[in-house]
Amino acid sequence: MDKSLIFYWDRTNCLNIVDSGAIPHFNNGHPVLNIIVDIINAGYQGVIIDEKRLSNGKYFHALSVDLNSPEGVAVSAIQKSFEANEPLPTSREVIESINHIYEAAEDDEY
């Protein structure tokens, strides 16, 4: 265990306690997180990143995912691919896929 624990309330109102030493650190950003930032910047609201600065100067990113949204399902699949060392889609491919799902849902409403 590292010298500190991180306590944070997530968006679902659950208290999370994390050993800061158990969190992997990436100097250039986590590849999945980079895709998620692009999803958020495209205007999709099913994923949210909360960022907190730790006392050691590093940043902690907490991710909240709505698995009932197309973007939440996409992020879950991307994370599984990352963990299996499979190639990741580009941000553009992911956003186009999410957009197609929303468009199809709109077409079904009419």
N, C-alpha and C. Protein backbone atom coordinates (compact mmCIF):
# COMPACT_ATOMS: atom_id res chain seq x y z
N MET A 1 0.84 -1.18 0.00
CA MET A 1 0.00 0.00 0.00
C MET A 1 0.89 1.23 0.00
N ASP A 2 0.46 2.21 -0.78
CA ASP A 2 1.16 3.49 -0.85
C ASP A 2 0.93 4.24 0.47
N LYS A 3 1.53 5.40 0.59
CA LYS A 3 1.41 6.18 1.82
C LYS A 3 0.07 6.88 1.97
N SER A 4 -0.76 6.87 0.92
CA SER A 4 -2.01 7.59 1.03
C SER A 4 -3.16 6.84 0.37
N LEU A 5 -4.34 7.13 0.87
CA LEU A 5 -5.57 6.61 0.30
C LEU A 5 -6.35 7.77 -0.30
N ILE A 6 -7.08 7.50 -1.36
CA ILE A 6 -7.92 8.51 -1.98
C ILE A 6 -9.36 8.18 -1.63
N PHE A 7 -10.06 9.13 -1.07
CA PHE A 7 -11.49 9.00 -0.77
C PHE A 7 -12.23 9.95 -1.71
N TYR A 8 -13.20 9.45 -2.46
CA TYR A 8 -13.99 10.35 -3.29
C TYR A 8 -15.40 9.81 -3.46
N TRP A 9 -16.33 10.75 -3.59
CA TRP A 9 -17.73 10.43 -3.88
C TRP A 9 -17.88 10.43 -5.37
N ASP A 10 -18.42 9.35 -5.92
CA ASP A 10 -18.62 9.35 -7.36
C ASP A 10 -19.99 9.92 -7.72
N ARG A 11 -20.29 9.95 -9.00
CA ARG A 11 -21.53 10.57 -9.49
C ARG A 11 -22.78 9.77 -9.11
N THR A 12 -22.58 8.52 -8.68
CA THR A 12 -23.73 7.72 -8.24
C THR A 12 -23.88 7.77 -6.73
N ASN A 13 -23.17 8.70 -6.09
CA ASN A 13 -23.23 8.93 -4.66
C ASN A 13 -22.67 7.78 -3.83
N CYS A 14 -21.67 7.11 -4.38
CA CYS A 14 -20.98 6.04 -3.64
C CYS A 14 -19.60 6.55 -3.22
N LEU A 15 -19.22 6.22 -2.00
CA LEU A 15 -17.89 6.56 -1.52
C LEU A 15 -16.91 5.50 -2.02
N ASN A 16 -15.85 5.93 -2.67
CA ASN A 16 -14.80 5.04 -3.16
C ASN A 16 -13.53 5.31 -2.38
N ILE A 17 -12.85 4.25 -2.02
CA ILE A 17 -11.57 4.37 -1.31
C ILE A 17 -10.54 3.62 -2.14
N VAL A 18 -9.49 4.33 -2.56
CA VAL A 18 -8.51 3.77 -3.47
C VAL A 18 -7.11 3.95 -2.90
N ASP A 19 -6.32 2.89 -2.93
CA ASP A 19 -4.91 2.97 -2.59
C ASP A 19 -4.21 3.67 -3.75
N SER A 20 -3.64 4.83 -3.51
CA SER A 20 -3.04 5.59 -4.60
C SER A 20 -1.89 4.83 -5.27
N GLY A 21 -1.28 3.91 -4.57
CA GLY A 21 -0.20 3.11 -5.15
C GLY A 21 -0.71 2.06 -6.12
N ALA A 22 -2.00 1.77 -6.09
CA ALA A 22 -2.58 0.75 -6.97
C ALA A 22 -3.03 1.33 -8.30
N ILE A 23 -2.93 2.63 -8.45
CA ILE A 23 -3.38 3.29 -9.68
C ILE A 23 -2.20 3.39 -10.64
N PRO A 24 -2.37 2.85 -11.86
CA PRO A 24 -1.28 3.01 -12.83
C PRO A 24 -1.12 4.48 -13.23
N HIS A 25 0.11 4.89 -13.49
CA HIS A 25 0.39 6.28 -13.85
C HIS A 25 0.90 6.32 -15.28
N PHE A 26 0.39 7.26 -16.06
CA PHE A 26 0.77 7.43 -17.44
C PHE A 26 1.21 8.86 -17.64
N ASN A 27 2.40 9.04 -18.20
CA ASN A 27 2.91 10.39 -18.42
C ASN A 27 2.20 11.09 -19.58
N ASN A 28 1.80 10.35 -20.60
CA ASN A 28 1.20 10.96 -21.79
C ASN A 28 -0.30 10.73 -21.87
N GLY A 29 -0.90 10.34 -20.80
CA GLY A 29 -2.33 10.08 -20.81
C GLY A 29 -2.63 8.62 -21.14
N HIS A 30 -3.62 8.10 -20.52
CA HIS A 30 -4.05 6.72 -20.76
C HIS A 30 -4.76 6.67 -22.11
N PRO A 31 -4.46 5.69 -22.96
CA PRO A 31 -5.06 5.67 -24.29
C PRO A 31 -6.59 5.60 -24.28
N VAL A 32 -7.17 4.90 -23.32
CA VAL A 32 -8.64 4.84 -23.23
C VAL A 32 -9.17 6.20 -22.78
N LEU A 33 -8.50 6.82 -21.85
CA LEU A 33 -8.93 8.14 -21.37
C LEU A 33 -8.88 9.17 -22.49
N ASN A 34 -7.90 9.06 -23.37
CA ASN A 34 -7.82 9.99 -24.50
C ASN A 34 -9.05 9.86 -25.40
N ILE A 35 -9.51 8.65 -25.64
CA ILE A 35 -10.72 8.43 -26.45
C ILE A 35 -11.93 8.99 -25.71
N ILE A 36 -11.99 8.76 -24.40
CA ILE A 36 -13.12 9.24 -23.61
C ILE A 36 -13.21 10.77 -23.65
N VAL A 37 -12.08 11.44 -23.57
CA VAL A 37 -12.08 12.90 -23.65
C VAL A 37 -12.67 13.35 -24.99
N ASP A 38 -12.33 12.66 -26.06
CA ASP A 38 -12.88 13.01 -27.37
C ASP A 38 -14.39 12.76 -27.42
N ILE A 39 -14.85 11.69 -26.77
CA ILE A 39 -16.29 11.41 -26.71
C ILE A 39 -17.01 12.54 -25.97
N ILE A 40 -16.45 12.96 -24.85
CA ILE A 40 -17.05 14.06 -24.07
C ILE A 40 -17.04 15.34 -24.88
N ASN A 41 -15.93 15.63 -25.56
CA ASN A 41 -15.83 16.85 -26.37
C ASN A 41 -16.80 16.84 -27.56
N ALA A 42 -17.23 15.64 -27.97
CA ALA A 42 -18.22 15.53 -29.05
C ALA A 42 -19.63 15.79 -28.53
N GLY A 43 -19.77 15.96 -27.22
CA GLY A 43 -21.06 16.33 -26.64
C GLY A 43 -21.85 15.20 -26.00
N TYR A 44 -21.30 14.02 -25.95
CA TYR A 44 -22.01 12.90 -25.35
C TYR A 44 -21.87 12.95 -23.83
N GLN A 45 -22.96 12.66 -23.13
CA GLN A 45 -22.99 12.85 -21.68
C GLN A 45 -23.02 11.56 -20.87
N GLY A 46 -22.86 10.42 -21.51
CA GLY A 46 -22.90 9.15 -20.79
C GLY A 46 -21.60 8.78 -20.11
N VAL A 47 -20.58 9.59 -20.28
CA VAL A 47 -19.31 9.39 -19.58
C VAL A 47 -18.85 10.74 -19.02
N ILE A 48 -18.30 10.69 -17.83
CA ILE A 48 -17.85 11.91 -17.15
C ILE A 48 -16.51 11.62 -16.50
N ILE A 49 -15.60 12.57 -16.59
CA ILE A 49 -14.30 12.45 -15.92
C ILE A 49 -14.22 13.53 -14.85
N ASP A 50 -13.95 13.12 -13.63
CA ASP A 50 -13.66 14.06 -12.56
C ASP A 50 -12.16 14.00 -12.31
N GLU A 51 -11.53 15.16 -12.21
CA GLU A 51 -10.09 15.23 -12.01
C GLU A 51 -9.79 15.90 -10.68
N LYS A 52 -8.93 15.29 -9.91
CA LYS A 52 -8.51 15.85 -8.62
C LYS A 52 -6.99 15.84 -8.54
N ARG A 53 -6.44 16.93 -8.05
CA ARG A 53 -4.99 16.99 -7.85
C ARG A 53 -4.67 16.40 -6.49
N LEU A 54 -3.71 15.50 -6.47
CA LEU A 54 -3.29 14.86 -5.22
C LEU A 54 -2.19 15.68 -4.54
N SER A 55 -1.92 15.37 -3.31
CA SER A 55 -0.92 16.13 -2.54
C SER A 55 0.48 15.98 -3.13
N ASN A 56 0.74 14.91 -3.90
CA ASN A 56 2.06 14.71 -4.49
C ASN A 56 2.20 15.43 -5.84
N GLY A 57 1.16 16.18 -6.24
CA GLY A 57 1.21 16.94 -7.48
C GLY A 57 0.66 16.19 -8.69
N LYS A 58 0.44 14.89 -8.56
CA LYS A 58 -0.13 14.12 -9.67
C LYS A 58 -1.65 14.29 -9.67
N TYR A 59 -2.26 13.87 -10.75
CA TYR A 59 -3.72 14.00 -10.88
C TYR A 59 -4.37 12.63 -10.87
N PHE A 60 -5.51 12.58 -10.23
CA PHE A 60 -6.34 11.38 -10.16
C PHE A 60 -7.56 11.64 -11.03
N HIS A 61 -7.85 10.71 -11.94
CA HIS A 61 -9.03 10.82 -12.79
C HIS A 61 -10.02 9.74 -12.40
N ALA A 62 -11.21 10.17 -12.03
CA ALA A 62 -12.29 9.24 -11.70
C ALA A 62 -13.27 9.26 -12.87
N LEU A 63 -13.62 8.10 -13.34
CA LEU A 63 -14.49 7.96 -14.49
C LEU A 63 -15.85 7.44 -14.06
N SER A 64 -16.91 8.12 -14.48
CA SER A 64 -18.27 7.65 -14.26
C SER A 64 -18.86 7.33 -15.63
N VAL A 65 -19.43 6.14 -15.74
CA VAL A 65 -19.94 5.66 -17.02
C VAL A 65 -21.39 5.23 -16.86
N ASP A 66 -22.26 5.73 -17.74
CA ASP A 66 -23.65 5.30 -17.78
C ASP A 66 -23.73 4.15 -18.78
N LEU A 67 -23.81 2.92 -18.28
CA LEU A 67 -23.82 1.76 -19.15
C LEU A 67 -25.14 1.59 -19.91
N ASN A 68 -26.10 2.47 -19.64
CA ASN A 68 -27.36 2.46 -20.39
C ASN A 68 -27.29 3.39 -21.60
N SER A 69 -26.16 4.04 -21.80
CA SER A 69 -26.00 4.94 -22.94
C SER A 69 -25.08 4.28 -23.97
N PRO A 70 -25.23 4.62 -25.24
CA PRO A 70 -24.33 4.06 -26.26
C PRO A 70 -22.86 4.37 -25.98
N GLU A 71 -22.59 5.59 -25.48
CA GLU A 71 -21.19 5.93 -25.20
C GLU A 71 -20.65 5.14 -24.01
N GLY A 72 -21.50 4.86 -23.03
CA GLY A 72 -21.06 4.04 -21.90
C GLY A 72 -20.73 2.62 -22.32
N VAL A 73 -21.56 2.06 -23.20
CA VAL A 73 -21.31 0.71 -23.72
C VAL A 73 -20.02 0.70 -24.53
N ALA A 74 -19.81 1.75 -25.33
CA ALA A 74 -18.60 1.85 -26.15
C ALA A 74 -17.35 1.93 -25.27
N VAL A 75 -17.40 2.74 -24.21
CA VAL A 75 -16.25 2.87 -23.32
C VAL A 75 -15.95 1.54 -22.63
N SER A 76 -16.98 0.83 -22.22
CA SER A 76 -16.78 -0.47 -21.59
C SER A 76 -16.08 -1.44 -22.55
N ALA A 77 -16.51 -1.45 -23.81
CA ALA A 77 -15.90 -2.33 -24.81
C ALA A 77 -14.45 -1.93 -25.09
N ILE A 78 -14.20 -0.63 -25.15
CA ILE A 78 -12.83 -0.16 -25.39
C ILE A 78 -11.91 -0.56 -24.24
N GLN A 79 -12.39 -0.42 -23.01
CA GLN A 79 -11.58 -0.80 -21.85
C GLN A 79 -11.27 -2.29 -21.88
N LYS A 80 -12.25 -3.11 -22.24
CA LYS A 80 -12.01 -4.55 -22.34
C LYS A 80 -10.98 -4.86 -23.41
N SER A 81 -11.06 -4.17 -24.54
CA SER A 81 -10.06 -4.36 -25.60
C SER A 81 -8.67 -3.97 -25.12
N PHE A 82 -8.59 -2.85 -24.40
CA PHE A 82 -7.30 -2.40 -23.88
C PHE A 82 -6.70 -3.45 -22.93
N GLU A 83 -7.53 -3.96 -22.03
CA GLU A 83 -7.06 -4.96 -21.06
C GLU A 83 -6.63 -6.26 -21.73
N ALA A 84 -7.21 -6.57 -22.89
CA ALA A 84 -6.86 -7.78 -23.63
C ALA A 84 -5.73 -7.53 -24.64
N ASN A 85 -5.13 -6.35 -24.58
CA ASN A 85 -4.05 -5.95 -25.50
C ASN A 85 -4.48 -6.03 -26.96
N GLU A 86 -5.74 -5.75 -27.23
CA GLU A 86 -6.25 -5.70 -28.59
C GLU A 86 -6.11 -4.27 -29.12
N PRO A 87 -6.05 -4.11 -30.43
CA PRO A 87 -5.95 -2.76 -30.97
C PRO A 87 -7.20 -1.95 -30.65
N LEU A 88 -7.00 -0.68 -30.35
CA LEU A 88 -8.13 0.19 -30.01
C LEU A 88 -8.61 0.92 -31.26
N PRO A 89 -9.91 1.18 -31.32
CA PRO A 89 -10.41 2.00 -32.43
C PRO A 89 -9.96 3.44 -32.25
N THR A 90 -10.05 4.20 -33.31
CA THR A 90 -9.74 5.62 -33.20
C THR A 90 -10.93 6.33 -32.57
N SER A 91 -10.68 7.51 -32.06
CA SER A 91 -11.76 8.31 -31.49
C SER A 91 -12.84 8.57 -32.54
N ARG A 92 -12.43 8.84 -33.74
CA ARG A 92 -13.39 9.12 -34.82
C ARG A 92 -14.29 7.90 -35.06
N GLU A 93 -13.72 6.70 -35.08
CA GLU A 93 -14.52 5.49 -35.29
C GLU A 93 -15.53 5.30 -34.16
N VAL A 94 -15.10 5.54 -32.93
CA VAL A 94 -15.99 5.38 -31.78
C VAL A 94 -17.13 6.40 -31.84
N ILE A 95 -16.80 7.64 -32.11
CA ILE A 95 -17.83 8.69 -32.16
C ILE A 95 -18.81 8.44 -33.29
N GLU A 96 -18.33 8.00 -34.45
CA GLU A 96 -19.23 7.68 -35.56
C GLU A 96 -20.17 6.54 -35.18
N SER A 97 -19.65 5.54 -34.48
CA SER A 97 -20.46 4.41 -34.04
C SER A 97 -21.55 4.86 -33.07
N ILE A 98 -21.17 5.68 -32.12
CA ILE A 98 -22.14 6.21 -31.13
C ILE A 98 -23.21 7.03 -31.85
N ASN A 99 -22.77 7.86 -32.78
CA ASN A 99 -23.70 8.71 -33.53
C ASN A 99 -24.70 7.86 -34.31
N HIS A 100 -24.23 6.78 -34.94
CA HIS A 100 -25.12 5.89 -35.69
C HIS A 100 -26.17 5.26 -34.79
N ILE A 101 -25.77 4.89 -33.58
CA ILE A 101 -26.72 4.28 -32.64
C ILE A 101 -27.81 5.29 -32.26
N TYR A 102 -27.41 6.52 -31.97
CA TYR A 102 -28.40 7.56 -31.64
C TYR A 102 -29.31 7.86 -32.83
N GLU A 103 -28.73 7.92 -34.03
CA GLU A 103 -29.55 8.18 -35.22
C GLU A 103 -30.57 7.05 -35.44
N ALA A 104 -30.14 5.81 -35.25
CA ALA A 104 -31.05 4.67 -35.41
C ALA A 104 -32.18 4.73 -34.38
N ALA A 105 -31.84 5.13 -33.16
CA ALA A 105 -32.85 5.24 -32.11
C ALA A 105 -33.86 6.33 -32.46
N GLU A 106 -33.39 7.43 -33.02
CA GLU A 106 -34.29 8.50 -33.44
C GLU A 106 -35.21 8.03 -34.56
N ASP A 107 -34.68 7.27 -35.49
CA ASP A 107 -35.48 6.75 -36.61
C ASP A 107 -36.56 5.79 -36.09
N ASP A 108 -36.24 5.03 -35.05
CA ASP A 108 -37.22 4.10 -34.48
C ASP A 108 -38.36 4.82 -33.79
N GLU A 109 -38.13 6.06 -33.35
CA GLU A 109 -39.16 6.82 -32.65
C GLU A 109 -40.23 7.34 -33.60
N TYR A 110 -39.90 7.43 -34.89
CA TYR A 110 -40.83 8.01 -35.85
C TYR A 110 -41.56 6.96 -36.65
